[in-house]
Amino acid sequence: MVRGETERKRAGRTGKGGGLEQALEAETQSELSRLLEAGGLQGLDFEALEHQCREVALKTAAAFVEARLNADHSDHDGATRACACGGVAHYRGRREKRFTSILGRLRLNRAYYHCPDCG
């Protein structure tokens, strides 16, 4: 890859997800600026400053990933779907599942189906 192409991709100008990268970078900078203006980073040594900045970046990234996952409702197959037991499972809304990723704790809202035959 040509050096200029690499720099453009890092800046989010080309490539898949470039807009997301720019939005994430802008939001992270905004959060760090708010923290700095509120005096939240004053008096920290270099290591503590690095840790605080990393925490802000990870929380911001987690929020973006969470929003992206929760915007996808492709797991909804309609009012009913076939159950593995041979019965019919009925859609009961979206339910939250929490899990830990490398970014931290995330909440995923997913389609929930219940089968009266097997539970």
PDB file of N, CA and C in Angstrom:
ATOM      1  N   MET A   1       0.845  -1.175   0.000  1.00  0.00           N
ATOM      2  CA  MET A   1       0.000   0.000   0.000  1.00  0.00           C
ATOM      3  C   MET A   1       0.889   1.237   0.000  1.00  0.00           C
ATOM      4  N   VAL A   2       0.500   2.216  -0.754  1.00  0.00           N
ATOM      5  CA  VAL A   2       1.230   3.472  -0.861  1.00  0.00           C
ATOM      6  C   VAL A   2       1.061   4.252   0.432  1.00  0.00           C
ATOM      7  N   ARG A   3       2.102   4.943   0.840  1.00  0.00           N
ATOM      8  CA  ARG A   3       2.070   5.665   2.111  1.00  0.00           C
ATOM      9  C   ARG A   3       0.893   6.628   2.220  1.00  0.00           C
ATOM     10  N   GLY A   4       0.599   7.371   1.174  1.00  0.00           N
ATOM     11  CA  GLY A   4      -0.513   8.315   1.184  1.00  0.00           C
ATOM     12  C   GLY A   4      -1.847   7.623   1.411  1.00  0.00           C
ATOM     13  N   GLU A   5      -2.006   6.419   0.821  1.00  0.00           N
ATOM     14  CA  GLU A   5      -3.244   5.668   1.021  1.00  0.00           C
ATOM     15  C   GLU A   5      -3.401   5.272   2.482  1.00  0.00           C
ATOM     16  N   THR A   6      -2.300   4.856   3.107  1.00  0.00           N
ATOM     17  CA  THR A   6      -2.342   4.473   4.520  1.00  0.00           C
ATOM     18  C   THR A   6      -2.754   5.657   5.379  1.00  0.00           C
ATOM     19  N   GLU A   7      -2.179   6.817   5.119  1.00  0.00           N
ATOM     20  CA  GLU A   7      -2.512   8.011   5.895  1.00  0.00           C
ATOM     21  C   GLU A   7      -3.966   8.413   5.695  1.00  0.00           C
ATOM     22  N   ARG A   8      -4.495   8.298   4.452  1.00  0.00           N
ATOM     23  CA  ARG A   8      -5.899   8.630   4.199  1.00  0.00           C
ATOM     24  C   ARG A   8      -6.815   7.655   4.926  1.00  0.00           C
ATOM     25  N   LYS A   9      -6.457   6.384   4.937  1.00  0.00           N
ATOM     26  CA  LYS A   9      -7.282   5.403   5.644  1.00  0.00           C
ATOM     27  C   LYS A   9      -7.284   5.677   7.134  1.00  0.00           C
ATOM     28  N   ARG A  10      -6.146   6.030   7.703  1.00  0.00           N
ATOM     29  CA  ARG A  10      -6.078   6.358   9.129  1.00  0.00           C
ATOM     30  C   ARG A  10      -6.944   7.573   9.434  1.00  0.00           C
ATOM     31  N   ALA A  11      -6.993   8.500   8.512  1.00  0.00           N
ATOM     32  CA  ALA A  11      -7.782   9.712   8.720  1.00  0.00           C
ATOM     33  C   ALA A  11      -9.264   9.458   8.471  1.00  0.00           C
ATOM     34  N   GLY A  12      -9.592   8.266   7.972  1.00  0.00           N
ATOM     35  CA  GLY A  12     -10.983   7.915   7.761  1.00  0.00           C
ATOM     36  C   GLY A  12     -11.550   8.442   6.454  1.00  0.00           C
ATOM     37  N   ARG A  13     -10.709   8.835   5.514  1.00  0.00           N
ATOM     38  CA  ARG A  13     -11.198   9.400   4.257  1.00  0.00           C
ATOM     39  C   ARG A  13     -11.537   8.329   3.242  1.00  0.00           C
ATOM     40  N   THR A  14     -10.943   7.140   3.365  1.00  0.00           N
ATOM     41  CA  THR A  14     -11.253   6.049   2.442  1.00  0.00           C
ATOM     42  C   THR A  14     -11.422   4.790   3.248  1.00  0.00           C
ATOM     43  N   GLY A  15     -11.926   3.789   2.593  1.00  0.00           N
ATOM     44  CA  GLY A  15     -12.048   2.499   3.264  1.00  0.00           C
ATOM     45  C   GLY A  15     -13.365   2.372   4.000  1.00  0.00           C
ATOM     46  N   LYS A  16     -13.718   1.148   4.269  1.00  0.00           N
ATOM     47  CA  LYS A  16     -14.974   0.850   4.947  1.00  0.00           C
ATOM     48  C   LYS A  16     -14.936   1.352   6.389  1.00  0.00           C
ATOM     49  N   GLY A  17     -16.005   2.000   6.814  1.00  0.00           N
ATOM     50  CA  GLY A  17     -16.102   2.446   8.203  1.00  0.00           C
ATOM     51  C   GLY A  17     -15.350   3.716   8.520  1.00  0.00           C
ATOM     52  N   GLY A  18     -14.898   4.447   7.500  1.00  0.00           N
ATOM     53  CA  GLY A  18     -14.150   5.669   7.731  1.00  0.00           C
ATOM     54  C   GLY A  18     -14.925   6.695   8.526  1.00  0.00           C
ATOM     55  N   GLY A  19     -16.228   6.800   8.254  1.00  0.00           N
ATOM     56  CA  GLY A  19     -17.060   7.743   8.984  1.00  0.00           C
ATOM     57  C   GLY A  19     -17.143   7.389  10.450  1.00  0.00           C
ATOM     58  N   LEU A  20     -17.232   6.099  10.734  1.00  0.00           N
ATOM     59  CA  LEU A  20     -17.276   5.640  12.118  1.00  0.00           C
ATOM     60  C   LEU A  20     -15.977   5.989  12.828  1.00  0.00           C
ATOM     61  N   GLU A  21     -14.865   5.791  12.155  1.00  0.00           N
ATOM     62  CA  GLU A  21     -13.563   6.103  12.749  1.00  0.00           C
ATOM     63  C   GLU A  21     -13.467   7.590  13.079  1.00  0.00           C
ATOM     64  N   GLN A  22     -13.914   8.438  12.161  1.00  0.00           N
ATOM     65  CA  GLN A  22     -13.869   9.884  12.403  1.00  0.00           C
ATOM     66  C   GLN A  22     -14.786  10.270  13.554  1.00  0.00           C
ATOM     67  N   ALA A  23     -15.980   9.696  13.580  1.00  0.00           N
ATOM     68  CA  ALA A  23     -16.936  10.017  14.645  1.00  0.00           C
ATOM     69  C   ALA A  23     -16.394   9.573  15.996  1.00  0.00           C
ATOM     70  N   LEU A  24     -15.797   8.391  16.041  1.00  0.00           N
ATOM     71  CA  LEU A  24     -15.228   7.872  17.285  1.00  0.00           C
ATOM     72  C   LEU A  24     -14.083   8.753  17.766  1.00  0.00           C
ATOM     73  N   GLU A  25     -13.224   9.147  16.846  1.00  0.00           N
ATOM     74  CA  GLU A  25     -12.105  10.017  17.212  1.00  0.00           C
ATOM     75  C   GLU A  25     -12.610  11.364  17.735  1.00  0.00           C
ATOM     76  N   ALA A  26     -13.604  11.937  17.058  1.00  0.00           N
ATOM     77  CA  ALA A  26     -14.149  13.235  17.477  1.00  0.00           C
ATOM     78  C   ALA A  26     -14.807  13.126  18.849  1.00  0.00           C
ATOM     79  N   GLU A  27     -15.561  12.066  19.081  1.00  0.00           N
ATOM     80  CA  GLU A  27     -16.236  11.891  20.372  1.00  0.00           C
ATOM     81  C   GLU A  27     -15.226  11.678  21.489  1.00  0.00           C
ATOM     82  N   THR A  28     -14.178  10.917  21.230  1.00  0.00           N
ATOM     83  CA  THR A  28     -13.141  10.685  22.236  1.00  0.00           C
ATOM     84  C   THR A  28     -12.449  11.999  22.582  1.00  0.00           C
ATOM     85  N   GLN A  29     -12.121  12.781  21.573  1.00  0.00           N
ATOM     86  CA  GLN A  29     -11.482  14.076  21.824  1.00  0.00           C
ATOM     87  C   GLN A  29     -12.419  14.992  22.611  1.00  0.00           C
ATOM     88  N   SER A  30     -13.686  14.961  22.283  1.00  0.00           N
ATOM     89  CA  SER A  30     -14.663  15.789  22.991  1.00  0.00           C
ATOM     90  C   SER A  30     -14.758  15.385  24.462  1.00  0.00           C
ATOM     91  N   GLU A  31     -14.820  14.085  24.723  1.00  0.00           N
ATOM     92  CA  GLU A  31     -14.888  13.598  26.104  1.00  0.00           C
ATOM     93  C   GLU A  31     -13.639  13.981  26.892  1.00  0.00           C
ATOM     94  N   LEU A  32     -12.479  13.844  26.271  1.00  0.00           N
ATOM     95  CA  LEU A  32     -11.231  14.210  26.947  1.00  0.00           C
ATOM     96  C   LEU A  32     -11.178  15.712  27.208  1.00  0.00           C
ATOM     97  N   SER A  33     -11.662  16.508  26.273  1.00  0.00           N
ATOM     98  CA  SER A  33     -11.693  17.967  26.466  1.00  0.00           C
ATOM     99  C   SER A  33     -12.602  18.339  27.631  1.00  0.00           C
ATOM    100  N   ARG A  34     -13.787  17.692  27.695  1.00  0.00           N
ATOM    101  CA  ARG A  34     -14.703  17.969  28.810  1.00  0.00           C
ATOM    102  C   ARG A  34     -14.051  17.608  30.144  1.00  0.00           C
ATOM    103  N   LEU A  35     -13.378  16.482  30.184  1.00  0.00           N
ATOM    104  CA  LEU A  35     -12.711  16.040  31.409  1.00  0.00           C
ATOM    105  C   LEU A  35     -11.610  17.028  31.798  1.00  0.00           C
ATOM    106  N   LEU A  36     -10.856  17.486  30.812  1.00  0.00           N
ATOM    107  CA  LEU A  36      -9.774  18.443  31.060  1.00  0.00           C
ATOM    108  C   LEU A  36     -10.334  19.772  31.560  1.00  0.00           C
ATOM    109  N   GLU A  37     -11.399  20.263  30.929  1.00  0.00           N
ATOM    110  CA  GLU A  37     -12.001  21.531  31.340  1.00  0.00           C
ATOM    111  C   GLU A  37     -12.593  21.454  32.741  1.00  0.00           C
ATOM    112  N   ALA A  38     -13.076  20.280  33.120  1.00  0.00           N
ATOM    113  CA  ALA A  38     -13.650  20.103  34.455  1.00  0.00           C
ATOM    114  C   ALA A  38     -12.567  19.890  35.513  1.00  0.00           C
ATOM    115  N   GLY A  39     -11.325  19.879  35.076  1.00  0.00           N
ATOM    116  CA  GLY A  39     -10.220  19.698  36.019  1.00  0.00           C
ATOM    117  C   GLY A  39      -9.977  18.248  36.400  1.00  0.00           C
ATOM    118  N   GLY A  40     -10.597  17.334  35.674  1.00  0.00           N
ATOM    119  CA  GLY A  40     -10.487  15.915  36.003  1.00  0.00           C
ATOM    120  C   GLY A  40      -9.123  15.304  35.750  1.00  0.00           C
ATOM    121  N   LEU A  41      -8.295  15.987  34.973  1.00  0.00           N
ATOM    122  CA  LEU A  41      -6.971  15.443  34.667  1.00  0.00           C
ATOM    123  C   LEU A  41      -5.856  16.209  35.370  1.00  0.00           C
ATOM    124  N   GLN A  42      -6.210  17.252  36.106  1.00  0.00           N
ATOM    125  CA  GLN A  42      -5.187  18.054  36.777  1.00  0.00           C
ATOM    126  C   GLN A  42      -4.539  17.283  37.908  1.00  0.00           C
ATOM    127  N   GLY A  43      -3.265  17.481  38.040  1.00  0.00           N
ATOM    128  CA  GLY A  43      -2.522  16.867  39.135  1.00  0.00           C
ATOM    129  C   GLY A  43      -2.148  15.413  38.893  1.00  0.00           C
ATOM    130  N   LEU A  44      -2.487  14.876  37.726  1.00  0.00           N
ATOM    131  CA  LEU A  44      -2.149  13.481  37.438  1.00  0.00           C
ATOM    132  C   LEU A  44      -0.733  13.397  36.896  1.00  0.00           C
ATOM    133  N   ASP A  45      -0.017  12.356  37.306  1.00  0.00           N
ATOM    134  CA  ASP A  45       1.285  12.132  36.700  1.00  0.00           C
ATOM    135  C   ASP A  45       1.064  11.510  35.321  1.00  0.00           C
ATOM    136  N   PHE A  46       2.123  11.321  34.564  1.00  0.00           N
ATOM    137  CA  PHE A  46       2.012  10.859  33.178  1.00  0.00           C
ATOM    138  C   PHE A  46       1.307   9.507  33.087  1.00  0.00           C
ATOM    139  N   GLU A  47       1.665   8.574  33.944  1.00  0.00           N
ATOM    140  CA  GLU A  47       1.058   7.239  33.907  1.00  0.00           C
ATOM    141  C   GLU A  47      -0.437   7.306  34.217  1.00  0.00           C
ATOM    142  N   ALA A  48      -0.817   8.072  35.225  1.00  0.00           N
ATOM    143  CA  ALA A  48      -2.234   8.208  35.582  1.00  0.00           C
ATOM    144  C   ALA A  48      -3.002   8.905  34.460  1.00  0.00           C
ATOM    145  N   LEU A  49      -2.374   9.882  33.820  1.00  0.00           N
ATOM    146  CA  LEU A  49      -2.991  10.577  32.698  1.00  0.00           C
ATOM    147  C   LEU A  49      -3.241   9.600  31.546  1.00  0.00           C
ATOM    148  N   GLU A  50      -2.251   8.768  31.262  1.00  0.00           N
ATOM    149  CA  GLU A  50      -2.415   7.757  30.205  1.00  0.00           C
ATOM    150  C   GLU A  50      -3.564   6.804  30.525  1.00  0.00           C
ATOM    151  N   HIS A  51      -3.629   6.344  31.747  1.00  0.00           N
ATOM    152  CA  HIS A  51      -4.691   5.418  32.154  1.00  0.00           C
ATOM    153  C   HIS A  51      -6.066   6.075  32.027  1.00  0.00           C
ATOM    154  N   GLN A  52      -6.179   7.316  32.455  1.00  0.00           N
ATOM    155  CA  GLN A  52      -7.453   8.024  32.371  1.00  0.00           C
ATOM    156  C   GLN A  52      -7.874   8.209  30.920  1.00  0.00           C
ATOM    157  N   CYS A  53      -6.930   8.590  30.074  1.00  0.00           N
ATOM    158  CA  CYS A  53      -7.236   8.771  28.654  1.00  0.00           C
ATOM    159  C   CYS A  53      -7.654   7.450  28.011  1.00  0.00           C
ATOM    160  N   ARG A  54      -6.987   6.376  28.377  1.00  0.00           N
ATOM    161  CA  ARG A  54      -7.348   5.058  27.838  1.00  0.00           C
ATOM    162  C   ARG A  54      -8.750   4.669  28.269  1.00  0.00           C
ATOM    163  N   GLU A  55      -9.095   4.932  29.524  1.00  0.00           N
ATOM    164  CA  GLU A  55     -10.441   4.603  30.014  1.00  0.00           C
ATOM    165  C   GLU A  55     -11.512   5.370  29.247  1.00  0.00           C
ATOM    166  N   VAL A  56     -11.273   6.650  29.010  1.00  0.00           N
ATOM    167  CA  VAL A  56     -12.228   7.461  28.251  1.00  0.00           C
ATOM    168  C   VAL A  56     -12.365   6.912  26.836  1.00  0.00           C
ATOM    169  N   ALA A  57     -11.247   6.589  26.198  1.00  0.00           N
ATOM    170  CA  ALA A  57     -11.275   6.060  24.829  1.00  0.00           C
ATOM    171  C   ALA A  57     -12.014   4.725  24.770  1.00  0.00           C
ATOM    172  N   LEU A  58     -11.771   3.840  25.726  1.00  0.00           N
ATOM    173  CA  LEU A  58     -12.436   2.537  25.733  1.00  0.00           C
ATOM    174  C   LEU A  58     -13.939   2.672  25.975  1.00  0.00           C
ATOM    175  N   LYS A  59     -14.320   3.532  26.910  1.00  0.00           N
ATOM    176  CA  LYS A  59     -15.756   3.727  27.174  1.00  0.00           C
ATOM    177  C   LYS A  59     -16.458   4.308  25.955  1.00  0.00           C
ATOM    178  N   THR A  60     -15.812   5.243  25.284  1.00  0.00           N
ATOM    179  CA  THR A  60     -16.394   5.844  24.091  1.00  0.00           C
ATOM    180  C   THR A  60     -16.519   4.805  22.980  1.00  0.00           C
ATOM    181  N   ALA A  61     -15.491   4.009  22.783  1.00  0.00           N
ATOM    182  CA  ALA A  61     -15.530   2.957  21.762  1.00  0.00           C
ATOM    183  C   ALA A  61     -16.603   1.925  22.097  1.00  0.00           C
ATOM    184  N   ALA A  62     -16.725   1.559  23.366  1.00  0.00           N
ATOM    185  CA  ALA A  62     -17.750   0.599  23.782  1.00  0.00           C
ATOM    186  C   ALA A  62     -19.139   1.132  23.472  1.00  0.00           C
ATOM    187  N   ALA A  63     -19.370   2.414  23.715  1.00  0.00           N
ATOM    188  CA  ALA A  63     -20.673   3.014  23.429  1.00  0.00           C
ATOM    189  C   ALA A  63     -20.977   2.975  21.938  1.00  0.00           C
ATOM    190  N   PHE A  64     -19.966   3.223  21.094  1.00  0.00           N
ATOM    191  CA  PHE A  64     -20.165   3.165  19.651  1.00  0.00           C
ATOM    192  C   PHE A  64     -20.475   1.744  19.191  1.00  0.00           C
ATOM    193  N   VAL A  65     -19.728   0.770  19.683  1.00  0.00           N
ATOM    194  CA  VAL A  65     -19.957  -0.628  19.298  1.00  0.00           C
ATOM    195  C   VAL A  65     -21.338  -1.083  19.768  1.00  0.00           C
ATOM    196  N   GLU A  66     -21.685  -0.741  20.982  1.00  0.00           N
ATOM    197  CA  GLU A  66     -22.994  -1.095  21.542  1.00  0.00           C
ATOM    198  C   GLU A  66     -24.118  -0.518  20.684  1.00  0.00           C
ATOM    199  N   ALA A  67     -24.003   0.746  20.318  1.00  0.00           N
ATOM    200  CA  ALA A  67     -25.031   1.392  19.492  1.00  0.00           C
ATOM    201  C   ALA A  67     -25.124   0.721  18.125  1.00  0.00           C
ATOM    202  N   ARG A  68     -23.988   0.392  17.560  1.00  0.00           N
ATOM    203  CA  ARG A  68     -23.972  -0.256  16.228  1.00  0.00           C
ATOM    204  C   ARG A  68     -24.628  -1.622  16.285  1.00  0.00           C
ATOM    205  N   LEU A  69     -24.295  -2.411  17.302  1.00  0.00           N
ATOM    206  CA  LEU A  69     -24.896  -3.740  17.438  1.00  0.00           C
ATOM    207  C   LEU A  69     -26.396  -3.647  17.687  1.00  0.00           C
ATOM    208  N   ASN A  70     -26.813  -2.721  18.532  1.00  0.00           N
ATOM    209  CA  ASN A  70     -28.223  -2.606  18.878  1.00  0.00           C
ATOM    210  C   ASN A  70     -29.067  -1.997  17.761  1.00  0.00           C
ATOM    211  N   ALA A  71     -28.449  -1.353  16.789  1.00  0.00           N
ATOM    212  CA  ALA A  71     -29.178  -0.825  15.646  1.00  0.00           C
ATOM    213  C   ALA A  71     -29.546  -1.931  14.656  1.00  0.00           C
ATOM    214  N   ASP A  72     -28.864  -3.063  14.741  1.00  0.00           N
ATOM    215  CA  ASP A  72     -29.106  -4.196  13.845  1.00  0.00           C
ATOM    216  C   ASP A  72     -30.208  -5.082  14.415  1.00  0.00           C
ATOM    217  N   HIS A  73     -31.336  -5.118  13.733  1.00  0.00           N
ATOM    218  CA  HIS A  73     -32.460  -5.950  14.175  1.00  0.00           C
ATOM    219  C   HIS A  73     -32.682  -7.125  13.230  1.00  0.00           C
ATOM    220  N   SER A  74     -31.637  -7.540  12.544  1.00  0.00           N
ATOM    221  CA  SER A  74     -31.756  -8.640  11.584  1.00  0.00           C
ATOM    222  C   SER A  74     -32.044  -9.976  12.266  1.00  0.00           C
ATOM    223  N   ASP A  75     -31.945 -10.031  13.591  1.00  0.00           N
ATOM    224  CA  ASP A  75     -32.253 -11.271  14.309  1.00  0.00           C
ATOM    225  C   ASP A  75     -33.754 -11.468  14.477  1.00  0.00           C
ATOM    226  N   HIS A  76     -34.563 -10.479  14.111  1.00  0.00           N
ATOM    227  CA  HIS A  76     -36.020 -10.587  14.214  1.00  0.00           C
ATOM    228  C   HIS A  76     -36.555 -11.252  12.950  1.00  0.00           C
ATOM    229  N   ASP A  77     -37.150 -12.439  13.102  1.00  0.00           N
ATOM    230  CA  ASP A  77     -37.662 -13.208  11.969  1.00  0.00           C
ATOM    231  C   ASP A  77     -39.163 -13.090  11.801  1.00  0.00           C
ATOM    232  N   GLY A  78     -39.804 -12.228  12.535  1.00  0.00           N
ATOM    233  CA  GLY A  78     -41.247 -12.091  12.454  1.00  0.00           C
ATOM    234  C   GLY A  78     -41.897 -12.554  13.741  1.00  0.00           C
ATOM    235  N   ALA A  79     -43.220 -12.754  13.690  1.00  0.00           N
ATOM    236  CA  ALA A  79     -43.990 -13.110  14.888  1.00  0.00           C
ATOM    237  C   ALA A  79     -43.659 -14.502  15.404  1.00  0.00           C
ATOM    238  N   THR A  80     -43.299 -15.406  14.509  1.00  0.00           N
ATOM    239  CA  THR A  80     -42.961 -16.778  14.916  1.00  0.00           C
ATOM    240  C   THR A  80     -41.754 -17.261  14.137  1.00  0.00           C
ATOM    241  N   ARG A  81     -41.146 -18.297  14.671  1.00  0.00           N
ATOM    242  CA  ARG A  81     -40.053 -18.967  13.967  1.00  0.00           C
ATOM    243  C   ARG A  81     -40.038 -20.419  14.412  1.00  0.00           C
ATOM    244  N   ALA A  82     -39.496 -21.271  13.579  1.00  0.00           N
ATOM    245  CA  ALA A  82     -39.426 -22.685  13.905  1.00  0.00           C
ATOM    246  C   ALA A  82     -38.450 -22.900  15.053  1.00  0.00           C
ATOM    247  N   CYS A  83     -38.851 -23.741  15.999  1.00  0.00           N
ATOM    248  CA  CYS A  83     -37.986 -24.072  17.134  1.00  0.00           C
ATOM    249  C   CYS A  83     -37.256 -25.386  16.824  1.00  0.00           C
ATOM    250  N   ALA A  84     -36.106 -25.579  17.427  1.00  0.00           N
ATOM    251  CA  ALA A  84     -35.318 -26.796  17.225  1.00  0.00           C
ATOM    252  C   ALA A  84     -36.072 -28.050  17.665  1.00  0.00           C
ATOM    253  N   CYS A  85     -37.033 -27.897  18.584  1.00  0.00           N
ATOM    254  CA  CYS A  85     -37.794 -29.054  19.072  1.00  0.00           C
ATOM    255  C   CYS A  85     -38.892 -29.476  18.104  1.00  0.00           C
ATOM    256  N   GLY A  86     -39.117 -28.678  17.070  1.00  0.00           N
ATOM    257  CA  GLY A  86     -40.184 -28.959  16.122  1.00  0.00           C
ATOM    258  C   GLY A  86     -41.417 -28.105  16.355  1.00  0.00           C
ATOM    259  N   GLY A  87     -41.453 -27.383  17.463  1.00  0.00           N
ATOM    260  CA  GLY A  87     -42.571 -26.501  17.782  1.00  0.00           C
ATOM    261  C   GLY A  87     -42.406 -25.142  17.132  1.00  0.00           C
ATOM    262  N   VAL A  88     -43.247 -24.225  17.558  1.00  0.00           N
ATOM    263  CA  VAL A  88     -43.200 -22.860  17.033  1.00  0.00           C
ATOM    264  C   VAL A  88     -42.900 -21.904  18.184  1.00  0.00           C
ATOM    265  N   ALA A  89     -41.842 -21.133  18.012  1.00  0.00           N
ATOM    266  CA  ALA A  89     -41.471 -20.130  19.012  1.00  0.00           C
ATOM    267  C   ALA A  89     -42.103 -18.803  18.628  1.00  0.00           C
ATOM    268  N   HIS A  90     -42.620 -18.085  19.617  1.00  0.00           N
ATOM    269  CA  HIS A  90     -43.299 -16.810  19.397  1.00  0.00           C
ATOM    270  C   HIS A  90     -42.413 -15.658  19.864  1.00  0.00           C
ATOM    271  N   TYR A  91     -42.403 -14.598  19.075  1.00  0.00           N
ATOM    272  CA  TYR A  91     -41.611 -13.414  19.396  1.00  0.00           C
ATOM    273  C   TYR A  91     -42.175 -12.740  20.646  1.00  0.00           C
ATOM    274  N   ARG A  92     -41.315 -12.431  21.607  1.00  0.00           N
ATOM    275  CA  ARG A  92     -41.727 -11.815  22.869  1.00  0.00           C
ATOM    276  C   ARG A  92     -41.034 -10.478  23.117  1.00  0.00           C
ATOM    277  N   GLY A  93     -40.488  -9.890  22.074  1.00  0.00           N
ATOM    278  CA  GLY A  93     -39.828  -8.590  22.212  1.00  0.00           C
ATOM    279  C   GLY A  93     -38.322  -8.719  22.219  1.00  0.00           C
ATOM    280  N   ARG A  94     -37.680  -7.634  22.546  1.00  0.00           N
ATOM    281  CA  ARG A  94     -36.218  -7.621  22.605  1.00  0.00           C
ATOM    282  C   ARG A  94     -35.804  -7.686  24.061  1.00  0.00           C
ATOM    283  N   ARG A  95     -34.779  -8.450  24.328  1.00  0.00           N
ATOM    284  CA  ARG A  95     -34.267  -8.587  25.690  1.00  0.00           C
ATOM    285  C   ARG A  95     -32.781  -8.265  25.710  1.00  0.00           C
ATOM    286  N   GLU A  96     -32.347  -7.795  26.856  1.00  0.00           N
ATOM    287  CA  GLU A  96     -30.955  -7.375  27.017  1.00  0.00           C
ATOM    288  C   GLU A  96     -30.079  -8.526  27.477  1.00  0.00           C
ATOM    289  N   LYS A  97     -28.913  -8.597  26.878  1.00  0.00           N
ATOM    290  CA  LYS A  97     -27.878  -9.525  27.324  1.00  0.00           C
ATOM    291  C   LYS A  97     -26.635  -8.690  27.557  1.00  0.00           C
ATOM    292  N   ARG A  98     -25.986  -8.907  28.683  1.00  0.00           N
ATOM    293  CA  ARG A  98     -24.747  -8.194  28.998  1.00  0.00           C
ATOM    294  C   ARG A  98     -23.573  -9.144  28.813  1.00  0.00           C
ATOM    295  N   PHE A  99     -22.501  -8.607  28.285  1.00  0.00           N
ATOM    296  CA  PHE A  99     -21.295  -9.406  28.119  1.00  0.00           C
ATOM    297  C   PHE A  99     -20.081  -8.490  28.169  1.00  0.00           C
ATOM    298  N   THR A 100     -18.934  -9.102  28.340  1.00  0.00           N
ATOM    299  CA  THR A 100     -17.690  -8.354  28.429  1.00  0.00           C
ATOM    300  C   THR A 100     -16.894  -8.542  27.151  1.00  0.00           C
ATOM    301  N   SER A 101     -16.458  -7.439  26.585  1.00  0.00           N
ATOM    302  CA  SER A 101     -15.604  -7.463  25.404  1.00  0.00           C
ATOM    303  C   SER A 101     -14.261  -6.829  25.789  1.00  0.00           C
ATOM    304  N   ILE A 102     -13.370  -6.713  24.850  1.00  0.00           N
ATOM    305  CA  ILE A 102     -12.088  -6.072  25.157  1.00  0.00           C
ATOM    306  C   ILE A 102     -12.267  -4.589  25.447  1.00  0.00           C
ATOM    307  N   LEU A 103     -13.430  -4.031  25.080  1.00  0.00           N
ATOM    308  CA  LEU A 103     -13.721  -2.624  25.359  1.00  0.00           C
ATOM    309  C   LEU A 103     -14.350  -2.425  26.727  1.00  0.00           C
ATOM    310  N   GLY A 104     -14.824  -3.492  27.334  1.00  0.00           N
ATOM    311  CA  GLY A 104     -15.503  -3.410  28.620  1.00  0.00           C
ATOM    312  C   GLY A 104     -16.869  -4.070  28.528  1.00  0.00           C
ATOM    313  N   ARG A 105     -17.748  -3.742  29.485  1.00  0.00           N
ATOM    314  CA  ARG A 105     -19.098  -4.318  29.527  1.00  0.00           C
ATOM    315  C   ARG A 105     -19.973  -3.698  28.443  1.00  0.00           C
ATOM    316  N   LEU A 106     -20.681  -4.547  27.710  1.00  0.00           N
ATOM    317  CA  LEU A 106     -21.603  -4.106  26.673  1.00  0.00           C
ATOM    318  C   LEU A 106     -22.977  -4.697  26.934  1.00  0.00           C
ATOM    319  N   ARG A 107     -24.013  -3.991  26.446  1.00  0.00           N
ATOM    320  CA  ARG A 107     -25.390  -4.486  26.520  1.00  0.00           C
ATOM    321  C   ARG A 107     -25.878  -4.699  25.096  1.00  0.00           C
ATOM    322  N   LEU A 108     -26.332  -5.899  24.813  1.00  0.00           N
ATOM    323  CA  LEU A 108     -26.854  -6.221  23.498  1.00  0.00           C
ATOM    324  C   LEU A 108     -28.332  -6.525  23.622  1.00  0.00           C
ATOM    325  N   ASN A 109     -29.149  -5.792  22.890  1.00  0.00           N
ATOM    326  CA  ASN A 109     -30.585  -6.064  22.846  1.00  0.00           C
ATOM    327  C   ASN A 109     -30.836  -6.992  21.671  1.00  0.00           C
ATOM    328  N   ARG A 110     -31.461  -8.126  21.941  1.00  0.00           N
ATOM    329  CA  ARG A 110     -31.663  -9.115  20.890  1.00  0.00           C
ATOM    330  C   ARG A 110     -33.098  -9.614  20.894  1.00  0.00           C
ATOM    331  N   ALA A 111     -33.493 -10.151  19.759  1.00  0.00           N
ATOM    332  CA  ALA A 111     -34.844 -10.698  19.640  1.00  0.00           C
ATOM    333  C   ALA A 111     -34.970 -11.907  20.555  1.00  0.00           C
ATOM    334  N   TYR A 112     -36.107 -11.972  21.260  1.00  0.00           N
ATOM    335  CA  TYR A 112     -36.351 -13.094  22.163  1.00  0.00           C
ATOM    336  C   TYR A 112     -37.587 -13.840  21.685  1.00  0.00           C
ATOM    337  N   TYR A 113     -37.426 -15.138  21.467  1.00  0.00           N
ATOM    338  CA  TYR A 113     -38.518 -16.007  21.055  1.00  0.00           C
ATOM    339  C   TYR A 113     -38.712 -17.061  22.134  1.00  0.00           C
ATOM    340  N   HIS A 114     -39.961 -17.397  22.409  1.00  0.00           N
ATOM    341  CA  HIS A 114     -40.261 -18.426  23.406  1.00  0.00           C
ATOM    342  C   HIS A 114     -41.103 -19.511  22.759  1.00  0.00           C
ATOM    343  N   CYS A 115     -40.708 -20.754  22.997  1.00  0.00           N
ATOM    344  CA  CYS A 115     -41.454 -21.903  22.487  1.00  0.00           C
ATOM    345  C   CYS A 115     -42.244 -22.500  23.646  1.00  0.00           C
ATOM    346  N   PRO A 116     -43.581 -22.554  23.551  1.00  0.00           N
ATOM    347  CA  PRO A 116     -44.373 -23.131  24.633  1.00  0.00           C
ATOM    348  C   PRO A 116     -44.185 -24.645  24.758  1.00  0.00           C
ATOM    349  N   ASP A 117     -43.702 -25.300  23.703  1.00  0.00           N
ATOM    350  CA  ASP A 117     -43.507 -26.756  23.750  1.00  0.00           C
ATOM    351  C   ASP A 117     -42.304 -27.167  24.588  1.00  0.00           C
ATOM    352  N   CYS A 118     -41.183 -26.466  24.414  1.00  0.00           N
ATOM    353  CA  CYS A 118     -39.968 -26.874  25.130  1.00  0.00           C
ATOM    354  C   CYS A 118     -39.497 -25.838  26.150  1.00  0.00           C
ATOM    355  N   GLY A 119     -40.108 -24.650  26.105  1.00  0.00           N
ATOM    356  CA  GLY A 119     -39.728 -23.609  27.057  1.00  0.00           C
ATOM    357  C   GLY A 119     -38.475 -22.913  26.653  1.00  0.00           C
TER     358      GLY A 119
END
